[in-house]
Each structure stands twice: as C-alpha cells, then as structure tokens.
N, C-alpha and C. Protein backbone atom coordinates (compact mmCIF):
# COMPACT_ATOMS: atom_id res chain seq x y z
N MET A 1 -61.17 29.12 -17.19
CA MET A 1 -60.63 28.58 -15.97
C MET A 1 -59.87 29.69 -15.25
N LYS A 2 -60.10 29.77 -13.98
CA LYS A 2 -59.44 30.75 -13.12
C LYS A 2 -57.97 30.40 -12.94
N LYS A 3 -57.14 31.39 -12.72
CA LYS A 3 -55.71 31.16 -12.51
C LYS A 3 -55.31 31.69 -11.14
N VAL A 4 -54.21 31.18 -10.63
CA VAL A 4 -53.72 31.66 -9.34
C VAL A 4 -53.11 33.05 -9.50
N ASP A 5 -53.15 33.81 -8.43
CA ASP A 5 -52.57 35.15 -8.40
C ASP A 5 -51.27 35.08 -7.62
N LYS A 6 -50.16 35.10 -8.33
CA LYS A 6 -48.85 34.95 -7.69
C LYS A 6 -48.50 36.13 -6.79
N ASP A 7 -49.17 37.27 -6.98
CA ASP A 7 -48.89 38.45 -6.16
C ASP A 7 -49.78 38.53 -4.92
N SER A 8 -50.70 37.60 -4.80
CA SER A 8 -51.63 37.60 -3.67
C SER A 8 -50.93 37.12 -2.40
N PRO A 9 -51.36 37.64 -1.25
CA PRO A 9 -50.79 37.15 0.01
C PRO A 9 -51.32 35.76 0.40
N ILE A 10 -52.35 35.29 -0.31
CA ILE A 10 -52.92 33.96 -0.05
C ILE A 10 -51.98 32.91 -0.64
N PRO A 11 -51.60 31.89 0.14
CA PRO A 11 -50.67 30.87 -0.36
C PRO A 11 -51.19 30.18 -1.63
N LEU A 12 -50.27 29.82 -2.52
CA LEU A 12 -50.64 29.20 -3.79
C LEU A 12 -51.43 27.91 -3.59
N TYR A 13 -51.01 27.08 -2.60
CA TYR A 13 -51.71 25.82 -2.39
C TYR A 13 -53.17 26.06 -2.02
N TYR A 14 -53.44 27.15 -1.28
CA TYR A 14 -54.81 27.45 -0.87
C TYR A 14 -55.62 27.97 -2.07
N GLN A 15 -54.99 28.78 -2.90
CA GLN A 15 -55.65 29.25 -4.12
C GLN A 15 -55.99 28.06 -5.03
N LEU A 16 -55.05 27.12 -5.16
CA LEU A 16 -55.29 25.93 -5.99
C LEU A 16 -56.45 25.11 -5.45
N LYS A 17 -56.51 24.95 -4.14
CA LYS A 17 -57.61 24.21 -3.52
C LYS A 17 -58.94 24.87 -3.85
N ASN A 18 -58.98 26.19 -3.75
CA ASN A 18 -60.22 26.92 -4.04
C ASN A 18 -60.61 26.81 -5.51
N ILE A 19 -59.65 26.91 -6.41
CA ILE A 19 -59.93 26.81 -7.84
C ILE A 19 -60.49 25.43 -8.17
N ILE A 20 -59.86 24.38 -7.66
CA ILE A 20 -60.31 23.02 -7.95
C ILE A 20 -61.68 22.77 -7.33
N SER A 21 -61.91 23.27 -6.13
CA SER A 21 -63.23 23.13 -5.49
C SER A 21 -64.32 23.82 -6.32
N GLU A 22 -64.03 25.02 -6.81
CA GLU A 22 -64.99 25.75 -7.65
C GLU A 22 -65.26 24.99 -8.94
N MET A 23 -64.22 24.40 -9.53
CA MET A 23 -64.40 23.64 -10.77
C MET A 23 -65.32 22.45 -10.54
N ILE A 24 -65.19 21.79 -9.40
CA ILE A 24 -66.04 20.65 -9.08
C ILE A 24 -67.47 21.13 -8.86
N GLU A 25 -67.64 22.20 -8.09
CA GLU A 25 -68.98 22.73 -7.81
C GLU A 25 -69.69 23.18 -9.08
N ASN A 26 -68.94 23.78 -10.02
CA ASN A 26 -69.52 24.28 -11.27
C ASN A 26 -69.59 23.20 -12.35
N GLU A 27 -69.25 21.98 -11.98
CA GLU A 27 -69.26 20.83 -12.88
C GLU A 27 -68.34 21.01 -14.09
N GLU A 28 -67.28 21.80 -13.91
CA GLU A 28 -66.25 21.93 -14.94
C GLU A 28 -65.28 20.76 -14.85
N LEU A 29 -65.25 20.13 -13.68
CA LEU A 29 -64.39 18.98 -13.43
C LEU A 29 -65.29 17.87 -12.91
N LYS A 30 -65.37 16.79 -13.67
CA LYS A 30 -66.27 15.69 -13.32
C LYS A 30 -65.47 14.47 -12.87
N ALA A 31 -66.19 13.50 -12.36
CA ALA A 31 -65.56 12.25 -11.90
C ALA A 31 -64.75 11.64 -13.04
N ASP A 32 -63.62 11.08 -12.71
CA ASP A 32 -62.71 10.41 -13.64
C ASP A 32 -62.00 11.35 -14.61
N GLU A 33 -62.17 12.67 -14.46
CA GLU A 33 -61.42 13.61 -15.29
C GLU A 33 -60.07 13.89 -14.64
N VAL A 34 -59.12 14.23 -15.46
CA VAL A 34 -57.79 14.56 -14.96
C VAL A 34 -57.82 15.99 -14.44
N VAL A 35 -57.24 16.18 -13.26
CA VAL A 35 -57.14 17.51 -12.67
C VAL A 35 -56.13 18.31 -13.50
N PRO A 36 -56.42 19.58 -13.80
CA PRO A 36 -55.46 20.38 -14.56
C PRO A 36 -54.10 20.42 -13.87
N THR A 37 -53.07 20.50 -14.66
CA THR A 37 -51.72 20.55 -14.09
C THR A 37 -51.49 21.87 -13.38
N GLU A 38 -50.49 21.88 -12.53
CA GLU A 38 -50.13 23.10 -11.81
C GLU A 38 -49.78 24.21 -12.81
N ARG A 39 -49.07 23.84 -13.87
CA ARG A 39 -48.69 24.82 -14.90
C ARG A 39 -49.92 25.42 -15.57
N GLU A 40 -50.94 24.62 -15.84
CA GLU A 40 -52.17 25.12 -16.46
C GLU A 40 -52.91 26.09 -15.54
N LEU A 41 -52.85 25.85 -14.25
CA LEU A 41 -53.55 26.70 -13.29
C LEU A 41 -52.74 27.93 -12.90
N CYS A 42 -51.45 27.90 -13.14
CA CYS A 42 -50.59 29.04 -12.77
C CYS A 42 -50.25 29.83 -14.00
C-alpha cells in the first residue's frame, strides 16, 4: 500500500484521495471493505 509523502507540496487530503482511488482501481479495496485509517496511510 502506498503512503502519503509528508514532505510533498501536494496537500495530504489530495494524496489520500489519489491513494484510495488507486486502491479501488487496482481492486485492493472492494465494496463493503473498510477504508484504511489515516494512520495506516500516513
């Protein structure tokens, strides 16, 4: 699972949106699954 880059100029919320979107597209996150916590992604 990809993690956010705290040193990036891209806002964290936007990085999180992209990570979750990629997880859905790659079928790593399926319907009725719990979205990873912010702590898990950061």
